[in-house]
Amino acid sequence: MTEIQNAKDVKLFALNSNRPLAQKIADKIGIPLSKCSVSHFADGEISVVVDESVRGQEVYVIQSVSDPVNTNLMELLIMIDALRRASAKTINVVMPYYGYARQDRKARSREPITAKLVANLLQDDRINRLITIDLHAPQVQGFFDIPVDHLRAAMTFVNYLKEHHLDDNVVIVAPDHAGVSLVRRFAEHMGGVPIAIVDKRDNSNREHRNESVPEALIGNVKDKTAIIVDDVVDTGTRIANSAELLKKEGAKDVYAVATHPVLSNGAVERLEKSPITRLIVSDSIVIPEEKQSPKIIELTVSGLIKEAIARVHNHQSLQTLFH
């Protein structure tokens, strides 16, 4: 692990989306979280006050753009404005979960590209760098004209699976064709194990995009431990439906791995009723008490982010963190 040099020149700020992760990062770096106050006017407007000097400092703001998405995004933009006006030397945004990244292209006429819109907002606010984890679409990096450090959480999950002996007689499963590249990389980290693909046909109804029905399986999962790998678990429908198909095709056990636990619209209940043994996620998004489940295992990415911050500050290469 890289030790941060001259930590007195670094300040870490946590806004409201994920203070537990921010505290873990601060503890690993060995500096306290700096103080700021976030409040709301009666009409919902957000007010941010930086409660200590940041003049000439290298600042890192930790904020996931998760539920409530729009509030957390505005908190971040207002905080960046406050830091810039307070003469921070550099403003680095640590966004473990990049909200709006799923709208990364025009799939239909008259659609927005909100991943690019968020990139524009951050750059117009004049941030110096973005650190994020497992973007839904890696090409979102190209929407920025500033450095973007796109970290991968795969080894966090791979190490857990190996420690719990879930790397024997295993097959890594993509829940749709779009996830094949992610699954191939994950399978290589697991030692070159085989992969399978759920052949799913997209539902043309805009209101039911998450309800596409898996029609067939490409690959062999019979008598194997199947591990579904995805970047986001939102409603849980895709993973639950894939698990049903895998069991039907003879899988011995079904596990799921997803970096970002959005868990919206009854996802936890849906997953609890599914044949999945465990869903393994990261702490990029806080899981509120009402969404916690014995089936969900949370692993921390604080060490990964701490390492990225230390190397950025020390002007060292981050290459090994991208693989």
Protein backbone atom coordinates (compact mmCIF):
# COMPACT_ATOMS: atom_id res chain seq x y z
CA MET A 1 0.00 0.00 0.00
CA THR A 2 1.22 3.48 -0.91
CA GLU A 3 1.74 5.93 1.93
CA ILE A 4 0.65 9.49 1.26
CA GLN A 5 3.45 12.06 1.45
CA ASN A 6 2.96 15.46 3.12
CA ALA A 7 -0.60 14.64 4.17
CA LYS A 8 -0.90 18.12 5.71
CA ASP A 9 -1.41 19.46 2.17
CA VAL A 10 -4.46 17.20 1.61
CA LYS A 11 -8.03 17.74 2.72
CA LEU A 12 -10.85 15.19 2.42
CA PHE A 13 -14.47 16.31 2.45
CA ALA A 14 -17.52 14.06 2.67
CA LEU A 15 -20.96 15.19 1.63
CA ASN A 16 -24.15 13.34 2.51
CA SER A 17 -24.31 10.45 0.05
CA ASN A 18 -21.72 8.10 1.57
CA ARG A 19 -20.12 9.30 4.77
CA PRO A 20 -19.30 5.76 6.01
CA LEU A 21 -17.10 5.10 2.96
CA ALA A 22 -15.50 8.54 3.26
CA GLN A 23 -14.63 7.85 6.91
CA LYS A 24 -13.02 4.51 5.98
CA ILE A 25 -10.92 6.26 3.32
CA ALA A 26 -9.84 8.96 5.79
CA ASP A 27 -8.92 6.31 8.39
CA LYS A 28 -6.78 4.45 5.85
CA ILE A 29 -5.01 7.64 4.76
CA GLY A 30 -4.57 8.67 8.39
CA ILE A 31 -6.12 12.14 8.27
CA PRO A 32 -9.48 13.35 9.63
CA LEU A 33 -12.35 14.37 7.40
CA SER A 34 -12.43 18.14 7.02
CA LYS A 35 -15.49 20.04 8.16
CA CYS A 36 -18.28 21.38 6.04
CA SER A 37 -21.95 22.10 6.66
CA VAL A 38 -24.75 21.13 4.29
CA SER A 39 -28.23 22.48 4.95
CA HIS A 40 -31.47 23.06 3.08
CA PHE A 41 -33.67 26.12 2.87
CA ALA A 42 -37.40 25.68 3.38
CA ASP A 43 -37.99 25.51 -0.38
CA GLY A 44 -35.38 22.76 -0.83
CA GLU A 45 -32.45 24.88 -1.99
CA ILE A 46 -29.10 23.53 -0.81
CA SER A 47 -26.58 25.58 1.15
CA VAL A 48 -22.97 24.46 1.65
CA VAL A 49 -20.43 26.13 3.93
CA VAL A 50 -16.78 25.03 4.08
CA ASP A 51 -15.95 25.31 7.78
CA GLU A 52 -12.16 25.50 7.52
CA SER A 53 -9.55 27.09 5.27
CA VAL A 54 -8.70 25.30 2.02
CA ARG A 55 -6.52 28.04 0.53
CA GLY A 56 -3.72 26.44 -1.47
CA GLN A 57 -4.81 22.93 -0.49
CA GLU A 58 -5.24 19.74 -2.55
CA VAL A 59 -8.89 18.87 -1.94
CA TYR A 60 -10.76 15.59 -2.48
CA VAL A 61 -14.57 15.60 -2.31
CA ILE A 62 -16.19 12.20 -1.82
CA GLN A 63 -19.73 11.92 -3.13
CA SER A 64 -21.66 9.20 -4.96
CA VAL A 65 -24.46 10.38 -7.23
CA SER A 66 -26.94 7.90 -5.76
CA ASP A 67 -30.43 8.12 -4.29
CA PRO A 68 -31.54 10.90 -3.90
CA VAL A 69 -29.67 11.35 -7.16
CA ASN A 70 -30.48 14.96 -8.01
CA THR A 71 -29.96 16.21 -4.46
CA ASN A 72 -26.57 14.52 -4.21
CA LEU A 73 -25.49 15.87 -7.60
CA MET A 74 -26.46 19.43 -6.65
CA GLU A 75 -24.70 19.09 -3.28
CA LEU A 76 -21.53 18.14 -5.14
CA LEU A 77 -21.74 20.99 -7.66
CA ILE A 78 -22.40 23.56 -4.95
CA MET A 79 -19.55 22.20 -2.82
CA ILE A 80 -17.15 22.46 -5.76
CA ASP A 81 -18.21 26.08 -6.31
CA ALA A 82 -17.61 26.85 -2.63
CA LEU A 83 -14.14 25.27 -2.69
CA ARG A 84 -13.12 27.10 -5.85
CA ARG A 85 -14.24 30.44 -4.40
CA ALA A 86 -12.27 29.59 -1.24
CA SER A 87 -9.05 29.31 -3.30
CA ALA A 88 -8.45 25.57 -3.13
CA LYS A 89 -5.36 24.69 -5.18
CA THR A 90 -6.91 21.61 -6.83
CA ILE A 91 -10.40 20.11 -6.56
CA ASN A 92 -10.55 16.36 -7.11
CA VAL A 93 -13.94 14.65 -7.13
CA VAL A 94 -14.09 11.07 -5.84
CA MET A 95 -17.35 9.69 -7.22
CA PRO A 96 -17.53 5.96 -6.38
CA TYR A 97 -20.86 5.71 -8.23
CA TYR A 98 -21.30 7.94 -11.28
CA GLY A 99 -25.03 8.54 -11.51
CA TYR A 100 -26.64 9.04 -14.94
CA ALA A 101 -23.87 6.96 -16.58
CA ARG A 102 -26.41 4.50 -18.03
CA GLN A 103 -27.56 7.15 -20.54
CA ASP A 104 -24.28 7.26 -22.45
CA ARG A 105 -25.57 7.41 -26.05
CA LYS A 106 -28.69 8.08 -28.10
CA ALA A 107 -30.37 4.69 -28.42
CA ARG A 108 -33.53 6.32 -29.81
CA SER A 109 -34.50 9.59 -31.42
CA ARG A 110 -34.81 12.65 -29.19
CA GLU A 111 -33.04 11.10 -26.19
CA PRO A 112 -30.55 12.99 -23.99
CA ILE A 113 -27.01 11.81 -23.23
CA THR A 114 -27.03 12.51 -19.51
CA ALA A 115 -23.63 10.95 -18.84
CA LYS A 116 -22.16 13.71 -21.01
CA LEU A 117 -24.36 16.34 -19.34
CA VAL A 118 -22.98 15.41 -15.90
CA ALA A 119 -19.45 15.54 -17.32
CA ASN A 120 -20.14 19.04 -18.68
CA LEU A 121 -21.52 20.19 -15.33
CA LEU A 122 -18.44 18.97 -13.46
CA GLN A 123 -16.03 20.51 -15.95
CA ASP A 124 -17.93 23.79 -16.07
CA ASP A 125 -17.59 23.82 -12.28
CA ARG A 126 -13.82 23.58 -12.97
CA ILE A 127 -12.81 20.40 -11.18
CA ASN A 128 -9.25 19.18 -11.81
CA ARG A 129 -9.74 15.41 -11.73
CA LEU A 130 -12.38 12.70 -11.39
CA ILE A 131 -11.82 9.38 -9.61
CA THR A 132 -14.59 6.84 -10.12
CA ILE A 133 -15.21 3.07 -10.02
CA ASP A 134 -16.67 0.74 -12.65
CA LEU A 135 -18.43 3.14 -14.98
CA HIS A 136 -21.46 1.60 -16.66
CA ALA A 137 -19.86 2.52 -19.98
CA PRO A 138 -16.06 3.01 -19.99
CA GLN A 139 -16.32 5.45 -22.90
CA VAL A 140 -17.78 8.01 -20.46
CA GLN A 141 -14.13 8.84 -19.71
CA GLY A 142 -14.00 10.37 -23.18
CA PHE A 143 -16.70 12.88 -22.23
CA PHE A 144 -14.11 14.67 -20.07
CA ASP A 145 -11.18 16.86 -21.05
CA ILE A 146 -9.57 16.44 -17.63
CA PRO A 147 -7.87 13.37 -16.08
CA VAL A 148 -10.34 10.57 -15.20
CA ASP A 149 -9.10 7.67 -13.10
CA HIS A 150 -11.46 4.78 -13.82
CA LEU A 151 -10.77 2.22 -11.08
CA ARG A 152 -11.85 -1.42 -11.24
CA ALA A 153 -13.35 -3.20 -8.24
CA ALA A 154 -12.93 -6.68 -9.76
CA MET A 155 -10.02 -7.80 -7.59
CA THR A 156 -11.93 -6.88 -4.42
CA PHE A 157 -14.58 -9.41 -5.43
CA VAL A 158 -12.14 -11.97 -6.86
CA ASN A 159 -10.15 -12.05 -3.63
CA TYR A 160 -13.34 -12.62 -1.63
CA LEU A 161 -14.48 -15.45 -3.91
CA LYS A 162 -11.09 -17.16 -3.72
CA GLU A 163 -10.92 -16.78 0.07
CA HIS A 164 -14.32 -18.49 0.31
CA HIS A 165 -13.30 -21.26 -2.13
CA LEU A 166 -15.77 -20.15 -4.79
CA ASP A 167 -13.21 -20.44 -7.59
CA ASP A 168 -13.50 -24.20 -8.13
CA ASN A 169 -15.75 -25.66 -10.86
CA VAL A 170 -17.06 -22.16 -11.54
CA VAL A 171 -18.44 -20.33 -14.58
CA ILE A 172 -18.74 -16.53 -14.84
CA VAL A 173 -22.02 -15.39 -16.38
CA ALA A 174 -22.90 -12.23 -18.28
CA PRO A 175 -26.59 -11.33 -17.69
CA ASP A 176 -26.76 -9.96 -21.25
CA HIS A 177 -24.56 -9.52 -24.30
CA ALA A 178 -23.53 -6.00 -23.29
CA GLY A 179 -21.73 -7.35 -20.23
CA VAL A 180 -19.49 -9.83 -22.05
CA SER A 181 -16.29 -7.72 -21.94
CA LEU A 182 -16.70 -7.16 -18.18
CA VAL A 183 -17.26 -10.89 -17.63
CA ARG A 184 -14.25 -11.87 -19.76
CA ARG A 185 -11.94 -9.68 -17.66
CA PHE A 186 -13.44 -11.05 -14.45
CA ALA A 187 -12.98 -14.65 -15.66
CA GLU A 188 -9.31 -13.94 -16.42
CA HIS A 189 -8.82 -12.60 -12.88
CA MET A 190 -10.38 -15.83 -11.61
CA GLY A 191 -7.71 -17.84 -13.42
CA GLY A 192 -9.16 -18.15 -16.91
CA VAL A 193 -12.37 -19.93 -15.92
CA PRO A 194 -15.11 -20.40 -18.57
CA ILE A 195 -17.89 -17.88 -19.21
CA ALA A 196 -21.54 -18.12 -20.20
CA ILE A 197 -23.93 -15.53 -21.62
CA VAL A 198 -27.63 -15.07 -20.95
CA ASP A 199 -29.26 -14.47 -24.34
CA LYS A 200 -31.79 -11.78 -23.51
CA ARG A 201 -33.95 -9.86 -25.96
CA ASP A 202 -34.59 -6.24 -25.01
CA ASN A 203 -38.15 -5.19 -24.28
CA SER A 204 -39.13 -2.44 -26.71
CA ASN A 205 -41.39 -0.80 -24.12
CA ARG A 206 -39.52 2.16 -22.61
CA GLU A 207 -41.26 1.74 -19.24
CA HIS A 208 -40.09 -1.85 -18.84
CA ARG A 209 -36.45 -1.84 -19.94
CA ASN A 210 -35.38 -3.81 -16.87
CA GLU A 211 -37.90 -6.57 -17.56
CA SER A 212 -36.33 -8.15 -20.65
CA VAL A 213 -36.82 -11.91 -20.54
CA PRO A 214 -33.85 -14.28 -20.90
CA GLU A 215 -34.58 -16.71 -23.71
CA ALA A 216 -31.55 -19.01 -23.78
CA LEU A 217 -28.10 -19.62 -22.35
CA ILE A 218 -24.88 -19.63 -24.35
CA GLY A 219 -22.41 -21.88 -22.53
CA ASN A 220 -22.46 -24.75 -20.06
CA VAL A 221 -23.35 -24.28 -16.38
CA LYS A 222 -24.52 -27.80 -15.51
CA ASP A 223 -23.31 -28.88 -12.04
CA LYS A 224 -21.17 -25.72 -11.78
CA THR A 225 -21.19 -22.73 -9.47
CA ALA A 226 -22.48 -19.88 -11.63
CA ILE A 227 -21.42 -16.33 -10.74
CA ILE A 228 -23.36 -13.54 -12.45
CA VAL A 229 -21.19 -10.41 -12.83
CA ASP A 230 -22.60 -6.93 -13.48
CA ASP A 231 -21.66 -3.34 -12.70
CA VAL A 232 -25.03 -2.23 -11.26
CA VAL A 233 -27.90 -4.01 -9.55
CA ASP A 234 -30.90 -1.69 -9.82
CA THR A 235 -34.33 -3.35 -9.69
CA GLY A 236 -32.74 -6.80 -9.43
CA THR A 237 -34.96 -8.13 -12.23
CA ARG A 238 -32.11 -8.91 -14.62
CA ILE A 239 -30.13 -10.85 -11.99
CA ALA A 240 -33.19 -12.66 -10.63
CA ASN A 241 -34.35 -13.73 -14.10
CA SER A 242 -30.85 -14.83 -15.04
CA ALA A 243 -30.59 -16.88 -11.85
CA GLU A 244 -33.85 -18.66 -12.65
CA LEU A 245 -32.52 -19.58 -16.08
CA LEU A 246 -29.18 -20.77 -14.68
CA LYS A 247 -30.88 -23.08 -12.19
CA LYS A 248 -33.12 -24.39 -14.97
CA GLU A 249 -29.98 -25.13 -17.00
CA GLY A 250 -28.53 -27.19 -14.12
CA ALA A 251 -26.29 -24.79 -12.18
CA LYS A 252 -25.41 -26.16 -8.74
CA ASP A 253 -25.33 -22.75 -7.03
CA VAL A 254 -25.85 -19.20 -8.27
CA TYR A 255 -24.02 -16.16 -6.89
CA ALA A 256 -24.13 -12.59 -8.15
CA VAL A 257 -21.52 -9.83 -8.06
CA ALA A 258 -22.38 -6.18 -8.72
CA THR A 259 -20.23 -3.17 -7.86
CA HIS A 260 -23.01 -0.63 -7.28
CA PRO A 261 -26.04 -1.63 -5.12
CA VAL A 262 -28.68 0.81 -6.35
CA LEU A 263 -31.41 -1.61 -5.16
CA SER A 264 -34.52 0.31 -6.22
CA ASN A 265 -38.16 -0.57 -6.75
CA GLY A 266 -38.44 -3.72 -4.62
CA ALA A 267 -35.04 -5.13 -5.62
CA VAL A 268 -34.25 -6.68 -2.24
CA GLU A 269 -37.55 -8.59 -2.04
CA ARG A 270 -37.10 -9.75 -5.63
CA LEU A 271 -33.58 -11.02 -4.94
CA GLU A 272 -34.58 -12.72 -1.69
CA LYS A 273 -37.20 -14.73 -3.60
CA SER A 274 -34.73 -15.64 -6.35
CA PRO A 275 -32.47 -18.74 -6.32
CA ILE A 276 -29.37 -16.61 -5.71
CA THR A 277 -27.31 -17.83 -2.76
CA ARG A 278 -25.55 -14.49 -2.19
CA LEU A 279 -25.35 -11.07 -3.83
CA ILE A 280 -21.89 -9.55 -3.31
CA VAL A 281 -21.65 -5.77 -3.70
CA SER A 282 -19.32 -2.91 -2.82
CA ASP A 283 -19.93 0.02 -0.47
CA SER A 284 -19.84 2.55 -3.33
CA ILE A 285 -23.47 3.25 -2.35
CA VAL A 286 -24.79 3.15 1.19
CA ILE A 287 -27.33 0.37 1.71
CA PRO A 288 -29.97 1.73 4.10
CA GLU A 289 -31.15 -0.47 6.95
CA GLU A 290 -34.49 -1.24 5.27
CA LYS A 291 -32.67 -2.63 2.20
CA GLN A 292 -30.22 -4.86 4.04
CA SER A 293 -30.61 -8.60 3.69
CA PRO A 294 -28.79 -11.77 4.81
CA LYS A 295 -28.35 -12.52 1.12
CA ILE A 296 -26.35 -9.32 0.53
CA ILE A 297 -22.64 -9.20 1.37
CA GLU A 298 -20.95 -5.78 1.25
CA LEU A 299 -17.22 -5.42 0.57
CA THR A 300 -15.38 -2.14 0.94
CA VAL A 301 -13.57 -0.29 -1.87
CA SER A 302 -12.01 2.16 0.58
CA GLY A 303 -8.55 0.62 0.17
CA LEU A 304 -8.75 0.96 -3.62
CA ILE A 305 -9.78 4.62 -3.41
CA LYS A 306 -7.20 5.38 -0.72
CA GLU A 307 -4.50 3.92 -2.95
CA ALA A 308 -5.66 6.06 -5.88
CA ILE A 309 -5.67 9.25 -3.80
CA ALA A 310 -2.20 8.49 -2.41
CA ARG A 311 -0.74 7.87 -5.87
CA VAL A 312 -2.36 10.97 -7.36
CA HIS A 313 -0.99 13.08 -4.53
CA ASN A 314 2.48 11.49 -4.76
CA HIS A 315 2.53 11.84 -8.59
CA GLN A 316 2.83 8.07 -8.99
CA SER A 317 1.37 5.81 -11.66
CA LEU A 318 -2.13 4.39 -11.19
CA GLN A 319 -1.72 1.83 -13.97
CA THR A 320 -1.99 -1.25 -11.74
CA LEU A 321 -5.27 0.03 -10.29
CA PHE A 322 -6.92 -0.01 -13.72
CA HIS A 323 -6.53 -3.77 -14.22
